[in-house]
């Protein structure tokens, strides 16, 4: 186990990330442990069944990754990832009524031209 203090993390985050690939890194804030960094690739955590999909789903749900990037992380086709998050009740597209109406009008115009 390795440690890094917050100022060291600010000054050289790449070193802490490199260290996290090999071992657990505890981030210290003053004299107290504040966070833990764990390398996902080296710990083979992403190779565990369902781990990639679970992480990608959580990151998409919380707004950390876009839909497309989440699907890539989950190693699923976009349509399959959309179906997956929809089954979980996670909203794929968030639009208010005005945006929806504008999209319907644009679609109607497009259909009228074709």
PDB file of N, CA and C in Angstrom:
ATOM      1  N   UNK A   1       0.851  -1.171   0.000  1.00  0.00           N
ATOM      2  CA  UNK A   1       0.000   0.000   0.000  1.00  0.00           C
ATOM      3  C   UNK A   1       0.898   1.236   0.000  1.00  0.00           C
ATOM      4  N   UNK A   2       0.491   2.236  -0.794  1.00  0.00           N
ATOM      5  CA  UNK A   2       1.258   3.464  -0.887  1.00  0.00           C
ATOM      6  C   UNK A   2       0.395   4.633  -0.446  1.00  0.00           C
ATOM      7  N   UNK A   3       1.043   5.730  -0.095  1.00  0.00           N
ATOM      8  CA  UNK A   3       0.299   6.921   0.296  1.00  0.00           C
ATOM      9  C   UNK A   3       0.775   8.115  -0.523  1.00  0.00           C
ATOM     10  N   UNK A   4      -0.123   9.072  -0.682  1.00  0.00           N
ATOM     11  CA  UNK A   4       0.203  10.341  -1.310  1.00  0.00           C
ATOM     12  C   UNK A   4      -0.633  11.392  -0.581  1.00  0.00           C
ATOM     13  N   UNK A   5      -0.039  12.558  -0.338  1.00  0.00           N
ATOM     14  CA  UNK A   5      -0.842  13.601   0.298  1.00  0.00           C
ATOM     15  C   UNK A   5      -1.545  14.417  -0.779  1.00  0.00           C
ATOM     16  N   UNK A   6      -2.520  15.190  -0.381  1.00  0.00           N
ATOM     17  CA  UNK A   6      -3.340  15.945  -1.332  1.00  0.00           C
ATOM     18  C   UNK A   6      -2.487  16.883  -2.172  1.00  0.00           C
ATOM     19  N   UNK A   7      -1.534  17.559  -1.564  1.00  0.00           N
ATOM     20  CA  UNK A   7      -0.699  18.481  -2.348  1.00  0.00           C
ATOM     21  C   UNK A   7       0.147  17.713  -3.353  1.00  0.00           C
ATOM     22  N   UNK A   8       0.630  16.536  -2.986  1.00  0.00           N
ATOM     23  CA  UNK A   8       1.379  15.713  -3.934  1.00  0.00           C
ATOM     24  C   UNK A   8       0.503  15.243  -5.075  1.00  0.00           C
ATOM     25  N   UNK A   9      -0.752  14.967  -4.771  1.00  0.00           N
ATOM     26  CA  UNK A   9      -1.698  14.554  -5.802  1.00  0.00           C
ATOM     27  C   UNK A   9      -1.979  15.698  -6.770  1.00  0.00           C
ATOM     28  N   UNK A  10      -2.080  16.922  -6.244  1.00  0.00           N
ATOM     29  CA  UNK A  10      -2.304  18.096  -7.101  1.00  0.00           C
ATOM     30  C   UNK A  10      -1.097  18.359  -7.988  1.00  0.00           C
ATOM     31  N   UNK A  11       0.094  18.243  -7.416  1.00  0.00           N
ATOM     32  CA  UNK A  11       1.322  18.559  -8.149  1.00  0.00           C
ATOM     33  C   UNK A  11       1.676  17.507  -9.188  1.00  0.00           C
ATOM     34  N   UNK A  12       1.397  16.237  -8.900  1.00  0.00           N
ATOM     35  CA  UNK A  12       1.812  15.179  -9.814  1.00  0.00           C
ATOM     36  C   UNK A  12       0.787  14.041  -9.807  1.00  0.00           C
ATOM     37  N   UNK A  13      -0.396  14.277 -10.374  1.00  0.00           N
ATOM     38  CA  UNK A  13      -1.420  13.228 -10.354  1.00  0.00           C
ATOM     39  C   UNK A  13      -1.034  11.993 -11.160  1.00  0.00           C
ATOM     40  N   UNK A  14      -0.214  12.171 -12.197  1.00  0.00           N
ATOM     41  CA  UNK A  14       0.155  11.014 -13.023  1.00  0.00           C
ATOM     42  C   UNK A  14       0.978  10.002 -12.228  1.00  0.00           C
ATOM     43  N   UNK A  15       1.785  10.464 -11.300  1.00  0.00           N
ATOM     44  CA  UNK A  15       2.561   9.523 -10.481  1.00  0.00           C
ATOM     45  C   UNK A  15       1.636   8.686  -9.600  1.00  0.00           C
ATOM     46  N   UNK A  16       0.658   9.326  -8.997  1.00  0.00           N
ATOM     47  CA  UNK A  16      -0.296   8.592  -8.163  1.00  0.00           C
ATOM     48  C   UNK A  16      -1.077   7.583  -8.996  1.00  0.00           C
ATOM     49  N   UNK A  17      -1.452   7.961 -10.217  1.00  0.00           N
ATOM     50  CA  UNK A  17      -2.163   7.028 -11.088  1.00  0.00           C
ATOM     51  C   UNK A  17      -1.282   5.848 -11.487  1.00  0.00           C
ATOM     52  N   UNK A  18      -0.025   6.113 -11.787  1.00  0.00           N
ATOM     53  CA  UNK A  18       0.910   5.024 -12.107  1.00  0.00           C
ATOM     54  C   UNK A  18       1.047   4.085 -10.915  1.00  0.00           C
ATOM     55  N   UNK A  19       1.180   4.667  -9.731  1.00  0.00           N
ATOM     56  CA  UNK A  19       1.310   3.840  -8.532  1.00  0.00           C
ATOM     57  C   UNK A  19       0.047   3.014  -8.282  1.00  0.00           C
ATOM     58  N   UNK A  20      -1.107   3.573  -8.592  1.00  0.00           N
ATOM     59  CA  UNK A  20      -2.369   2.866  -8.376  1.00  0.00           C
ATOM     60  C   UNK A  20      -2.513   1.667  -9.306  1.00  0.00           C
ATOM     61  N   UNK A  21      -1.786   1.665 -10.406  1.00  0.00           N
ATOM     62  CA  UNK A  21      -1.820   0.501 -11.300  1.00  0.00           C
ATOM     63  C   UNK A  21      -1.171  -0.708 -10.646  1.00  0.00           C
ATOM     64  N   UNK A  22      -0.215  -0.457  -9.751  1.00  0.00           N
ATOM     65  CA  UNK A  22       0.526  -1.548  -9.125  1.00  0.00           C
ATOM     66  C   UNK A  22       0.052  -1.878  -7.718  1.00  0.00           C
ATOM     67  N   UNK A  23      -0.523  -0.904  -7.031  1.00  0.00           N
ATOM     68  CA  UNK A  23      -0.860  -1.095  -5.628  1.00  0.00           C
ATOM     69  C   UNK A  23      -1.965  -0.114  -5.234  1.00  0.00           C
ATOM     70  N   UNK A  24      -2.564  -0.342  -4.105  1.00  0.00           N
ATOM     71  CA  UNK A  24      -3.562   0.582  -3.577  1.00  0.00           C
ATOM     72  C   UNK A  24      -2.844   1.844  -3.106  1.00  0.00           C
ATOM     73  N   UNK A  25      -3.394   3.005  -3.454  1.00  0.00           N
ATOM     74  CA  UNK A  25      -2.823   4.281  -3.031  1.00  0.00           C
ATOM     75  C   UNK A  25      -3.837   4.973  -2.126  1.00  0.00           C
ATOM     76  N   UNK A  26      -3.408   5.316  -0.925  1.00  0.00           N
ATOM     77  CA  UNK A  26      -4.259   6.033   0.012  1.00  0.00           C
ATOM     78  C   UNK A  26      -3.903   7.512  -0.073  1.00  0.00           C
ATOM     79  N   UNK A  27      -4.920   8.344  -0.302  1.00  0.00           N
ATOM     80  CA  UNK A  27      -4.720   9.787  -0.380  1.00  0.00           C
ATOM     81  C   UNK A  27      -4.935  10.363   1.020  1.00  0.00           C
ATOM     82  N   UNK A  28      -3.918  11.034   1.519  1.00  0.00           N
ATOM     83  CA  UNK A  28      -3.962  11.599   2.872  1.00  0.00           C
ATOM     84  C   UNK A  28      -4.273  13.096   2.789  1.00  0.00           C
ATOM     85  N   UNK A  29      -5.174  13.540   3.638  1.00  0.00           N
ATOM     86  CA  UNK A  29      -5.491  14.956   3.774  1.00  0.00           C
ATOM     87  C   UNK A  29      -5.075  15.344   5.183  1.00  0.00           C
ATOM     88  N   UNK A  30      -4.018  16.115   5.267  1.00  0.00           N
ATOM     89  CA  UNK A  30      -3.326  16.383   6.525  1.00  0.00           C
ATOM     90  C   UNK A  30      -2.831  15.049   7.066  1.00  0.00           C
ATOM     91  N   UNK A  31      -3.274  14.627   8.196  1.00  0.00           N
ATOM     92  CA  UNK A  31      -2.810  13.342   8.728  1.00  0.00           C
ATOM     93  C   UNK A  31      -3.892  12.276   8.712  1.00  0.00           C
ATOM     94  N   UNK A  32      -4.932  12.505   7.921  1.00  0.00           N
ATOM     95  CA  UNK A  32      -6.053  11.572   7.893  1.00  0.00           C
ATOM     96  C   UNK A  32      -6.236  10.986   6.499  1.00  0.00           C
ATOM     97  N   UNK A  33      -6.529   9.692   6.407  1.00  0.00           N
ATOM     98  CA  UNK A  33      -6.838   9.116   5.091  1.00  0.00           C
ATOM     99  C   UNK A  33      -8.126   9.717   4.564  1.00  0.00           C
ATOM    100  N   UNK A  34      -8.113  10.101   3.288  1.00  0.00           N
ATOM    101  CA  UNK A  34      -9.259  10.797   2.709  1.00  0.00           C
ATOM    102  C   UNK A  34      -9.884  10.025   1.547  1.00  0.00           C
ATOM    103  N   UNK A  35      -9.075   9.288   0.809  1.00  0.00           N
ATOM    104  CA  UNK A  35      -9.577   8.562  -0.356  1.00  0.00           C
ATOM    105  C   UNK A  35      -8.638   7.404  -0.664  1.00  0.00           C
ATOM    106  N   UNK A  36      -9.133   6.511  -1.498  1.00  0.00           N
ATOM    107  CA  UNK A  36      -8.341   5.367  -1.936  1.00  0.00           C
ATOM    108  C   UNK A  36      -8.378   5.320  -3.453  1.00  0.00           C
ATOM    109  N   UNK A  37      -7.217   5.098  -4.055  1.00  0.00           N
ATOM    110  CA  UNK A  37      -7.134   4.940  -5.511  1.00  0.00           C
ATOM    111  C   UNK A  37      -6.756   3.488  -5.800  1.00  0.00           C
ATOM    112  N   UNK A  38      -7.532   2.876  -6.684  1.00  0.00           N
ATOM    113  CA  UNK A  38      -7.282   1.487  -7.055  1.00  0.00           C
ATOM    114  C   UNK A  38      -7.229   1.412  -8.568  1.00  0.00           C
ATOM    115  N   UNK A  39      -6.161   0.867  -9.108  1.00  0.00           N
ATOM    116  CA  UNK A  39      -6.056   0.699 -10.557  1.00  0.00           C
ATOM    117  C   UNK A  39      -7.006  -0.387 -11.028  1.00  0.00           C
ATOM    118  N   UNK A  40      -7.893  -0.064 -11.923  1.00  0.00           N
ATOM    119  CA  UNK A  40      -8.880  -1.036 -12.381  1.00  0.00           C
ATOM    120  C   UNK A  40      -8.289  -2.080 -13.312  1.00  0.00           C
ATOM    121  N   UNK A  41      -7.361  -1.689 -14.150  1.00  0.00           N
ATOM    122  CA  UNK A  41      -6.798  -2.634 -15.106  1.00  0.00           C
ATOM    123  C   UNK A  41      -5.900  -3.666 -14.437  1.00  0.00           C
ATOM    124  N   UNK A  42      -5.025  -3.200 -13.552  1.00  0.00           N
ATOM    125  CA  UNK A  42      -4.077  -4.132 -12.946  1.00  0.00           C
ATOM    126  C   UNK A  42      -4.749  -5.076 -11.971  1.00  0.00           C
ATOM    127  N   UNK A  43      -5.778  -4.617 -11.282  1.00  0.00           N
ATOM    128  CA  UNK A  43      -6.478  -5.460 -10.335  1.00  0.00           C
ATOM    129  C   UNK A  43      -7.447  -6.415 -10.999  1.00  0.00           C
ATOM    130  N   UNK A  44      -7.516  -6.352 -12.309  1.00  0.00           N
ATOM    131  CA  UNK A  44      -8.410  -7.190 -13.092  1.00  0.00           C
ATOM    132  C   UNK A  44      -9.869  -7.038 -12.659  1.00  0.00           C
ATOM    133  N   UNK A  45     -10.170  -5.903 -12.031  1.00  0.00           N
ATOM    134  CA  UNK A  45     -11.539  -5.665 -11.582  1.00  0.00           C
ATOM    135  C   UNK A  45     -12.502  -5.563 -12.750  1.00  0.00           C
ATOM    136  N   UNK A  46     -12.050  -4.953 -13.851  1.00  0.00           N
ATOM    137  CA  UNK A  46     -12.939  -4.792 -14.999  1.00  0.00           C
ATOM    138  C   UNK A  46     -13.174  -6.116 -15.725  1.00  0.00           C
ATOM    139  N   UNK A  47     -12.362  -7.122 -15.409  1.00  0.00           N
ATOM    140  CA  UNK A  47     -12.554  -8.434 -16.021  1.00  0.00           C
ATOM    141  C   UNK A  47     -13.591  -9.282 -15.307  1.00  0.00           C
ATOM    142  N   UNK A  48     -13.994  -8.858 -14.135  1.00  0.00           N
ATOM    143  CA  UNK A  48     -15.012  -9.600 -13.391  1.00  0.00           C
ATOM    144  C   UNK A  48     -16.346  -9.520 -14.122  1.00  0.00           C
ATOM    145  N   UNK A  49     -17.132 -10.593 -14.094  1.00  0.00           N
ATOM    146  CA  UNK A  49     -18.422 -10.582 -14.798  1.00  0.00           C
ATOM    147  C   UNK A  49     -19.311  -9.421 -14.342  1.00  0.00           C
ATOM    148  N   UNK A  50     -19.758  -8.635 -15.303  1.00  0.00           N
ATOM    149  CA  UNK A  50     -20.673  -7.542 -15.029  1.00  0.00           C
ATOM    150  C   UNK A  50     -20.040  -6.260 -14.527  1.00  0.00           C
ATOM    151  N   UNK A  51     -18.742  -6.275 -14.228  1.00  0.00           N
ATOM    152  CA  UNK A  51     -18.099  -5.088 -13.648  1.00  0.00           C
ATOM    153  C   UNK A  51     -18.075  -3.920 -14.632  1.00  0.00           C
ATOM    154  N   UNK A  52     -17.712  -4.180 -15.878  1.00  0.00           N
ATOM    155  CA  UNK A  52     -17.647  -3.102 -16.880  1.00  0.00           C
ATOM    156  C   UNK A  52     -19.024  -2.481 -17.094  1.00  0.00           C
ATOM    157  N   UNK A  53     -20.020  -3.330 -17.232  1.00  0.00           N
ATOM    158  CA  UNK A  53     -21.370  -2.825 -17.485  1.00  0.00           C
ATOM    159  C   UNK A  53     -21.868  -2.037 -16.277  1.00  0.00           C
ATOM    160  N   UNK A  54     -21.611  -2.551 -15.074  1.00  0.00           N
ATOM    161  CA  UNK A  54     -22.058  -1.855 -13.863  1.00  0.00           C
ATOM    162  C   UNK A  54     -21.392  -0.494 -13.735  1.00  0.00           C
ATOM    163  N   UNK A  55     -20.083  -0.430 -13.975  1.00  0.00           N
ATOM    164  CA  UNK A  55     -19.365   0.837 -13.877  1.00  0.00           C
ATOM    165  C   UNK A  55     -19.836   1.814 -14.947  1.00  0.00           C
ATOM    166  N   UNK A  56     -19.973   1.339 -16.170  1.00  0.00           N
ATOM    167  CA  UNK A  56     -20.440   2.198 -17.267  1.00  0.00           C
ATOM    168  C   UNK A  56     -21.848   2.708 -16.993  1.00  0.00           C
ATOM    169  N   UNK A  57     -22.701   1.851 -16.459  1.00  0.00           N
ATOM    170  CA  UNK A  57     -24.074   2.244 -16.153  1.00  0.00           C
ATOM    171  C   UNK A  57     -24.107   3.312 -15.079  1.00  0.00           C
ATOM    172  N   UNK A  58     -23.336   3.120 -14.021  1.00  0.00           N
ATOM    173  CA  UNK A  58     -23.299   4.100 -12.936  1.00  0.00           C
ATOM    174  C   UNK A  58     -22.743   5.432 -13.417  1.00  0.00           C
ATOM    175  N   UNK A  59     -21.698   5.404 -14.231  1.00  0.00           N
ATOM    176  CA  UNK A  59     -21.119   6.646 -14.741  1.00  0.00           C
ATOM    177  C   UNK A  59     -22.094   7.374 -15.663  1.00  0.00           C
ATOM    178  N   UNK A  60     -22.834   6.624 -16.482  1.00  0.00           N
ATOM    179  CA  UNK A  60     -23.832   7.272 -17.343  1.00  0.00           C
ATOM    180  C   UNK A  60     -24.962   7.852 -16.504  1.00  0.00           C
ATOM    181  N   UNK A  61     -25.471   7.064 -15.567  1.00  0.00           N
ATOM    182  CA  UNK A  61     -26.585   7.510 -14.717  1.00  0.00           C
ATOM    183  C   UNK A  61     -26.246   8.799 -13.970  1.00  0.00           C
ATOM    184  N   UNK A  62     -24.988   8.890 -13.493  1.00  0.00           N
ATOM    185  CA  UNK A  62     -24.571  10.039 -12.700  1.00  0.00           C
ATOM    186  C   UNK A  62     -24.035  11.196 -13.541  1.00  0.00           C
ATOM    187  N   UNK A  63     -24.025  11.033 -14.877  1.00  0.00           N
ATOM    188  CA  UNK A  63     -23.589  12.111 -15.762  1.00  0.00           C
ATOM    189  C   UNK A  63     -22.087  12.186 -15.963  1.00  0.00           C
ATOM    190  N   UNK A  64     -21.366  11.165 -15.548  1.00  0.00           N
ATOM    191  CA  UNK A  64     -19.912  11.168 -15.698  1.00  0.00           C
ATOM    192  C   UNK A  64     -19.446  10.820 -17.097  1.00  0.00           C
ATOM    193  N   UNK A  65     -20.254  10.057 -17.825  1.00  0.00           N
ATOM    194  CA  UNK A  65     -19.925   9.680 -19.199  1.00  0.00           C
ATOM    195  C   UNK A  65     -21.151   9.850 -20.078  1.00  0.00           C
ATOM    196  N   UNK A  66     -20.894  10.135 -21.345  1.00  0.00           N
ATOM    197  CA  UNK A  66     -21.987  10.222 -22.316  1.00  0.00           C
ATOM    198  C   UNK A  66     -22.516   8.818 -22.603  1.00  0.00           C
ATOM    199  N   UNK A  67     -23.632   8.760 -23.285  1.00  0.00           N
ATOM    200  CA  UNK A  67     -24.239   7.484 -23.652  1.00  0.00           C
ATOM    201  C   UNK A  67     -23.295   6.645 -24.514  1.00  0.00           C
ATOM    202  N   UNK A  68     -22.697   7.271 -25.515  1.00  0.00           N
ATOM    203  CA  UNK A  68     -21.811   6.548 -26.429  1.00  0.00           C
ATOM    204  C   UNK A  68     -20.560   6.051 -25.701  1.00  0.00           C
ATOM    205  N   UNK A  69     -19.944   6.901 -24.896  1.00  0.00           N
ATOM    206  CA  UNK A  69     -18.742   6.478 -24.156  1.00  0.00           C
ATOM    207  C   UNK A  69     -19.063   5.381 -23.148  1.00  0.00           C
ATOM    208  N   UNK A  70     -20.231   5.460 -22.539  1.00  0.00           N
ATOM    209  CA  UNK A  70     -20.637   4.420 -21.595  1.00  0.00           C
ATOM    210  C   UNK A  70     -20.820   3.083 -22.301  1.00  0.00           C
ATOM    211  N   UNK A  71     -21.434   3.117 -23.479  1.00  0.00           N
ATOM    212  CA  UNK A  71     -21.611   1.885 -24.254  1.00  0.00           C
ATOM    213  C   UNK A  71     -20.256   1.289 -24.625  1.00  0.00           C
ATOM    214  N   UNK A  72     -19.318   2.149 -25.012  1.00  0.00           N
ATOM    215  CA  UNK A  72     -17.967   1.660 -25.337  1.00  0.00           C
ATOM    216  C   UNK A  72     -17.312   1.032 -24.117  1.00  0.00           C
ATOM    217  N   UNK A  73     -17.423   1.705 -22.964  1.00  0.00           N
ATOM    218  CA  UNK A  73     -16.826   1.165 -21.750  1.00  0.00           C
ATOM    219  C   UNK A  73     -17.429  -0.187 -21.403  1.00  0.00           C
ATOM    220  N   UNK A  74     -18.745  -0.303 -21.578  1.00  0.00           N
ATOM    221  CA  UNK A  74     -19.431  -1.556 -21.281  1.00  0.00           C
ATOM    222  C   UNK A  74     -19.145  -2.627 -22.328  1.00  0.00           C
ATOM    223  N   UNK A  75     -18.530  -2.232 -23.417  1.00  0.00           N
ATOM    224  CA  UNK A  75     -18.230  -3.102 -24.551  1.00  0.00           C
ATOM    225  C   UNK A  75     -19.514  -3.710 -25.116  1.00  0.00           C
ATOM    226  N   UNK A  76     -20.522  -2.827 -25.258  1.00  0.00           N
ATOM    227  CA  UNK A  76     -21.797  -3.215 -25.838  1.00  0.00           C
ATOM    228  C   UNK A  76     -22.103  -2.322 -27.031  1.00  0.00           C
ATOM    229  N   UNK A  77     -22.840  -2.852 -28.006  1.00  0.00           N
ATOM    230  CA  UNK A  77     -23.340  -1.965 -29.063  1.00  0.00           C
ATOM    231  C   UNK A  77     -24.241  -0.912 -28.432  1.00  0.00           C
ATOM    232  N   UNK A  78     -24.301   0.253 -29.040  1.00  0.00           N
ATOM    233  CA  UNK A  78     -25.081   1.354 -28.486  1.00  0.00           C
ATOM    234  C   UNK A  78     -26.530   0.950 -28.225  1.00  0.00           C
ATOM    235  N   UNK A  79     -27.152   0.271 -29.173  1.00  0.00           N
ATOM    236  CA  UNK A  79     -28.556  -0.137 -29.008  1.00  0.00           C
ATOM    237  C   UNK A  79     -28.723  -1.066 -27.805  1.00  0.00           C
ATOM    238  N   UNK A  80     -27.780  -1.966 -27.609  1.00  0.00           N
ATOM    239  CA  UNK A  80     -27.858  -2.890 -26.470  1.00  0.00           C
ATOM    240  C   UNK A  80     -27.689  -2.143 -25.149  1.00  0.00           C
ATOM    241  N   UNK A  81     -26.799  -1.141 -25.133  1.00  0.00           N
ATOM    242  CA  UNK A  81     -26.608  -0.366 -23.903  1.00  0.00           C
ATOM    243  C   UNK A  81     -27.850   0.474 -23.605  1.00  0.00           C
ATOM    244  N   UNK A  82     -28.450   1.046 -24.641  1.00  0.00           N
ATOM    245  CA  UNK A  82     -29.684   1.814 -24.446  1.00  0.00           C
ATOM    246  C   UNK A  82     -30.775   0.913 -23.867  1.00  0.00           C
ATOM    247  N   UNK A  83     -30.907  -0.282 -24.405  1.00  0.00           N
ATOM    248  CA  UNK A  83     -31.903  -1.228 -23.881  1.00  0.00           C
ATOM    249  C   UNK A  83     -31.596  -1.582 -22.431  1.00  0.00           C
ATOM    250  N   UNK A  84     -30.320  -1.773 -22.126  1.00  0.00           N
ATOM    251  CA  UNK A  84     -29.902  -2.122 -20.763  1.00  0.00           C
ATOM    252  C   UNK A  84     -30.282  -1.031 -19.765  1.00  0.00           C
ATOM    253  N   UNK A  85     -29.901   0.209 -20.044  1.00  0.00           N
ATOM    254  CA  UNK A  85     -30.202   1.277 -19.088  1.00  0.00           C
ATOM    255  C   UNK A  85     -31.704   1.568 -19.032  1.00  0.00           C
ATOM    256  N   UNK A  86     -32.395   1.386 -20.136  1.00  0.00           N
ATOM    257  CA  UNK A  86     -33.841   1.592 -20.145  1.00  0.00           C
ATOM    258  C   UNK A  86     -34.529   0.572 -19.243  1.00  0.00           C
ATOM    259  N   UNK A  87     -34.072  -0.689 -19.293  1.00  0.00           N
ATOM    260  CA  UNK A  87     -34.633  -1.716 -18.409  1.00  0.00           C
ATOM    261  C   UNK A  87     -34.439  -1.364 -16.944  1.00  0.00           C
ATOM    262  N   UNK A  88     -33.367  -0.631 -16.652  1.00  0.00           N
ATOM    263  CA  UNK A  88     -33.085  -0.222 -15.274  1.00  0.00           C
ATOM    264  C   UNK A  88     -33.829   1.047 -14.879  1.00  0.00           C
ATOM    265  N   UNK A  89     -34.573   1.613 -15.812  1.00  0.00           N
ATOM    266  CA  UNK A  89     -35.332   2.824 -15.522  1.00  0.00           C
ATOM    267  C   UNK A  89     -34.502   4.094 -15.578  1.00  0.00           C
ATOM    268  N   UNK A  90     -33.339   4.030 -16.219  1.00  0.00           N
ATOM    269  CA  UNK A  90     -32.473   5.202 -16.359  1.00  0.00           C
ATOM    270  C   UNK A  90     -32.855   5.927 -17.642  1.00  0.00           C
ATOM    271  N   UNK A  91     -33.139   7.211 -17.521  1.00  0.00           N
ATOM    272  CA  UNK A  91     -33.545   8.013 -18.668  1.00  0.00           C
ATOM    273  C   UNK A  91     -32.391   8.165 -19.645  1.00  0.00           C
ATOM    274  N   UNK A  92     -32.681   7.883 -20.903  1.00  0.00           N
ATOM    275  CA  UNK A  92     -31.651   7.987 -21.935  1.00  0.00           C
ATOM    276  C   UNK A  92     -31.605   9.391 -22.515  1.00  0.00           C
ATOM    277  N   UNK A  93     -32.756   9.979 -22.743  1.00  0.00           N
ATOM    278  CA  UNK A  93     -32.848  11.323 -23.308  1.00  0.00           C
ATOM    279  C   UNK A  93     -33.718  12.155 -22.376  1.00  0.00           C
ATOM    280  N   UNK A  94     -33.183  13.286 -21.965  1.00  0.00           N
ATOM    281  CA  UNK A  94     -33.963  14.187 -21.113  1.00  0.00           C
ATOM    282  C   UNK A  94     -34.278  15.446 -21.900  1.00  0.00           C
ATOM    283  N   UNK A  95     -35.563  15.662 -22.120  1.00  0.00           N
ATOM    284  CA  UNK A  95     -36.005  16.844 -22.856  1.00  0.00           C
ATOM    285  C   UNK A  95     -37.229  17.415 -22.163  1.00  0.00           C
ATOM    286  N   UNK A  96     -37.342  18.740 -22.189  1.00  0.00           N
ATOM    287  CA  UNK A  96     -38.564  19.339 -21.653  1.00  0.00           C
ATOM    288  C   UNK A  96     -39.603  19.407 -22.779  1.00  0.00           C
ATOM    289  N   UNK A  97     -40.799  19.856 -22.443  1.00  0.00           N
ATOM    290  CA  UNK A  97     -41.898  19.879 -23.402  1.00  0.00           C
ATOM    291  C   UNK A  97     -41.590  20.764 -24.613  1.00  0.00           C
ATOM    292  N   UNK A  98     -40.944  21.903 -24.379  1.00  0.00           N
ATOM    293  CA  UNK A  98     -40.636  22.816 -25.493  1.00  0.00           C
ATOM    294  C   UNK A  98     -39.644  22.177 -26.464  1.00  0.00           C
ATOM    295  N   UNK A  99     -38.616  21.510 -25.937  1.00  0.00           N
ATOM    296  CA  UNK A  99     -37.636  20.835 -26.804  1.00  0.00           C
ATOM    297  C   UNK A  99     -38.305  19.716 -27.589  1.00  0.00           C
ATOM    298  N   UNK A 100     -39.169  18.977 -26.937  1.00  0.00           N
ATOM    299  CA  UNK A 100     -39.876  17.889 -27.605  1.00  0.00           C
ATOM    300  C   UNK A 100     -40.742  18.432 -28.739  1.00  0.00           C
ATOM    301  N   UNK A 101     -41.444  19.514 -28.480  1.00  0.00           N
ATOM    302  CA  UNK A 101     -42.302  20.118 -29.506  1.00  0.00           C
ATOM    303  C   UNK A 101     -41.472  20.592 -30.693  1.00  0.00           C
ATOM    304  N   UNK A 102     -40.322  21.232 -30.431  1.00  0.00           N
ATOM    305  CA  UNK A 102     -39.444  21.683 -31.527  1.00  0.00           C
ATOM    306  C   UNK A 102     -38.958  20.488 -32.348  1.00  0.00           C
ATOM    307  N   UNK A 103     -38.603  19.401 -31.688  1.00  0.00           N
ATOM    308  CA  UNK A 103     -38.150  18.216 -32.412  1.00  0.00           C
ATOM    309  C   UNK A 103     -39.268  17.629 -33.269  1.00  0.00           C
ATOM    310  N   UNK A 104     -40.475  17.614 -32.753  1.00  0.00           N
ATOM    311  CA  UNK A 104     -41.617  17.100 -33.526  1.00  0.00           C
ATOM    312  C   UNK A 104     -41.861  17.975 -34.745  1.00  0.00           C
ATOM    313  N   UNK A 105     -41.782  19.289 -34.568  1.00  0.00           N
ATOM    314  CA  UNK A 105     -41.973  20.206 -35.700  1.00  0.00           C
ATOM    315  C   UNK A 105     -40.878  20.022 -36.746  1.00  0.00           C
ATOM    316  N   UNK A 106     -39.643  19.867 -36.310  1.00  0.00           N
ATOM    317  CA  UNK A 106     -38.534  19.626 -37.242  1.00  0.00           C
ATOM    318  C   UNK A 106     -38.745  18.323 -37.992  1.00  0.00           C
ATOM    319  N   UNK A 107     -39.172  17.291 -37.292  1.00  0.00           N
ATOM    320  CA  UNK A 107     -39.437  16.005 -37.937  1.00  0.00           C
ATOM    321  C   UNK A 107     -40.561  16.136 -38.960  1.00  0.00           C
ATOM    322  N   UNK A 108     -41.623  16.843 -38.580  1.00  0.00           N
ATOM    323  CA  UNK A 108     -42.737  17.055 -39.517  1.00  0.00           C
ATOM    324  C   UNK A 108     -42.265  17.776 -40.780  1.00  0.00           C
ATOM    325  N   UNK A 109     -41.432  18.801 -40.624  1.00  0.00           N
ATOM    326  CA  UNK A 109     -40.895  19.531 -41.784  1.00  0.00           C
ATOM    327  C   UNK A 109     -40.038  18.616 -42.642  1.00  0.00           C
ATOM    328  N   UNK A 110     -39.227  17.832 -42.007  1.00  0.00           N
ATOM    329  CA  UNK A 110     -38.342  16.905 -42.736  1.00  0.00           C
ATOM    330  C   UNK A 110     -39.165  15.876 -43.516  1.00  0.00           C
ATOM    331  N   UNK A 111     -40.202  15.338 -42.858  1.00  0.00           N
ATOM    332  CA  UNK A 111     -41.037  14.342 -43.521  1.00  0.00           C
ATOM    333  C   UNK A 111     -41.808  14.956 -44.686  1.00  0.00           C
ATOM    334  N   UNK A 112     -42.207  16.218 -44.552  1.00  0.00           N
ATOM    335  CA  UNK A 112     -42.942  16.890 -45.625  1.00  0.00           C
ATOM    336  C   UNK A 112     -42.065  17.072 -46.876  1.00  0.00           C
ATOM    337  N   UNK A 113     -40.765  17.218 -46.671  1.00  0.00           N
ATOM    338  CA  UNK A 113     -39.836  17.426 -47.792  1.00  0.00           C
ATOM    339  C   UNK A 113     -39.445  16.123 -48.489  1.00  0.00           C
ATOM    340  N   UNK A 114     -39.626  15.001 -47.829  1.00  0.00           N
ATOM    341  CA  UNK A 114     -39.169  13.744 -48.443  1.00  0.00           C
ATOM    342  C   UNK A 114     -40.267  12.996 -49.153  1.00  0.00           C
TER     343      UNK A 114
END
